[in-house]
Amino acid sequence: MDDLKKIPVHRSLTRQQLLAGCDRELFLLLVMFCGLLLMSGITRMYWRNIILGIVLWLICIPILAKLAVYDPHFKGIVVRSVRYTQISLSAAGKAGAHVRAMTHKHWAAGS
């Protein structure tokens, strides 16, 4: 085992990519949503849209940044847990029964 070559892995290869301290996809989604609110407010002179876009931006950026510090992969974890919840609920025959349950081919064979 001593003859194995050890190669260092740079930290940037394993870190999650963040923008403004937030998850990249959620940050861009927030930018698009707030930008649409601002543009609709500017073009139609709806002041409530302008104020809502600015307030939403000021509130959500620190929240997303704090979530990214807590766990940079939280978006993927939430999406995966929601998908697994739908599968497990449909297998139990309760809410979400319209979603097809995943079964292993060994289990489906009836053995």
Protein backbone atom coordinates (compact mmCIF):
# COMPACT_ATOMS: atom_id res chain seq x y z
CA MET A 1 0.00 0.00 0.00
CA ASP A 2 2.94 2.36 0.39
CA ASP A 3 3.59 2.32 -3.35
CA LEU A 4 0.35 4.26 -4.13
CA LYS A 5 0.91 7.73 -5.50
CA LYS A 6 -0.79 10.53 -3.57
CA ILE A 7 -2.10 13.44 -5.60
CA PRO A 8 -3.44 16.53 -3.85
CA VAL A 9 -6.92 17.67 -4.91
CA HIS A 10 -7.38 21.42 -5.06
CA ARG A 11 -10.16 22.78 -2.88
CA SER A 12 -11.84 24.61 -5.79
CA LEU A 13 -12.60 21.28 -7.47
CA THR A 14 -14.78 20.09 -4.61
CA ARG A 15 -16.47 23.32 -3.49
CA GLN A 16 -19.94 24.37 -4.55
CA GLN A 17 -19.94 27.37 -6.92
CA LEU A 18 -21.58 30.36 -5.26
CA LEU A 19 -22.59 33.81 -6.51
CA ALA A 20 -22.75 36.61 -3.92
CA GLY A 21 -22.44 33.93 -1.26
CA CYS A 22 -25.62 32.19 -2.50
CA ASP A 23 -26.34 29.07 -4.49
CA ARG A 24 -25.81 29.93 -8.16
CA GLU A 25 -29.16 28.73 -9.52
CA LEU A 26 -31.23 30.21 -6.71
CA PHE A 27 -29.36 33.52 -7.00
CA LEU A 28 -30.01 33.74 -10.75
CA LEU A 29 -33.66 32.82 -10.22
CA LEU A 30 -33.97 35.59 -7.64
CA VAL A 31 -32.24 38.07 -9.99
CA MET A 32 -34.66 37.23 -12.80
CA PHE A 33 -37.74 37.44 -10.57
CA CYS A 34 -36.73 40.73 -8.92
CA GLY A 35 -35.66 42.12 -12.30
CA LEU A 36 -39.05 41.27 -13.79
CA LEU A 37 -40.80 42.96 -10.88
CA LEU A 38 -38.63 46.06 -11.26
CA MET A 39 -39.05 46.26 -15.04
CA SER A 40 -42.81 45.80 -14.86
CA GLY A 41 -42.93 48.49 -12.21
CA ILE A 42 -40.79 50.91 -14.21
CA THR A 43 -42.58 50.44 -17.53
CA ARG A 44 -46.13 50.65 -16.12
CA MET A 45 -45.34 52.96 -13.20
CA TYR A 46 -46.53 50.42 -10.63
CA TRP A 47 -44.69 51.59 -7.54
CA ARG A 48 -45.73 48.55 -5.54
CA ASN A 49 -43.83 46.29 -7.96
CA ILE A 50 -40.70 48.41 -7.67
CA ILE A 51 -40.90 48.41 -3.87
CA LEU A 52 -41.71 44.67 -3.78
CA GLY A 53 -38.73 43.86 -6.02
CA ILE A 54 -36.31 45.87 -3.89
CA VAL A 55 -37.66 44.51 -0.58
CA LEU A 56 -37.61 40.94 -1.89
CA TRP A 57 -33.99 41.40 -3.02
CA LEU A 58 -32.91 42.87 0.33
CA ILE A 59 -34.60 40.10 2.32
CA CYS A 60 -33.77 37.04 0.19
CA ILE A 61 -30.06 37.64 -0.50
CA PRO A 62 -29.02 37.37 3.20
CA ILE A 63 -31.31 34.37 3.68
CA LEU A 64 -29.82 32.54 0.68
CA ALA A 65 -26.29 33.45 1.79
CA LYS A 66 -26.94 32.11 5.29
CA LEU A 67 -28.36 28.88 3.86
CA ALA A 68 -25.29 28.49 1.63
CA VAL A 69 -22.99 28.92 4.64
CA TYR A 70 -24.99 26.32 6.55
CA ASP A 71 -25.01 23.80 3.69
CA PRO A 72 -23.90 24.65 0.13
CA HIS A 73 -25.80 21.64 -1.27
CA PHE A 74 -29.14 22.37 0.42
CA LYS A 75 -31.02 22.93 -2.86
CA GLY A 76 -30.17 19.46 -4.15
CA ILE A 77 -31.02 17.89 -0.83
CA VAL A 78 -34.44 19.57 -0.70
CA VAL A 79 -35.26 18.57 -4.28
CA ARG A 80 -34.20 14.98 -3.63
CA SER A 81 -36.18 14.74 -0.39
CA VAL A 82 -39.33 16.05 -2.08
CA ARG A 83 -38.93 13.52 -4.90
CA TYR A 84 -38.41 10.65 -2.45
CA THR A 85 -41.39 11.77 -0.37
CA GLN A 86 -43.64 11.57 -3.42
CA ILE A 87 -42.38 8.08 -4.21
CA SER A 88 -42.77 6.80 -0.66
CA LEU A 89 -46.24 8.32 -0.26
CA SER A 90 -47.44 6.75 -3.50
CA ALA A 91 -46.09 3.35 -2.43
CA ALA A 92 -48.01 3.65 0.85
CA GLY A 93 -51.24 4.32 -1.05
CA LYS A 94 -51.79 7.72 0.56
CA ALA A 95 -51.48 11.25 -0.81
CA GLY A 96 -49.63 11.39 -4.11
CA ALA A 97 -50.91 8.01 -5.29
CA HIS A 98 -50.89 9.27 -8.87
CA VAL A 99 -47.08 9.09 -8.85
CA ARG A 100 -45.83 5.68 -9.94
CA ALA A 101 -44.02 3.82 -7.17
CA MET A 102 -40.52 2.59 -7.84
CA THR A 103 -40.13 -1.15 -7.30
CA HIS A 104 -37.06 -3.26 -7.59
CA LYS A 105 -37.23 -5.97 -10.27
CA HIS A 106 -36.55 -8.61 -7.61
CA TRP A 107 -39.52 -7.45 -5.56
CA ALA A 108 -41.84 -7.24 -8.57
CA ALA A 109 -41.13 -10.87 -9.47
CA GLY A 110 -43.18 -12.00 -6.46
CA SER A 111 -40.39 -13.94 -4.73
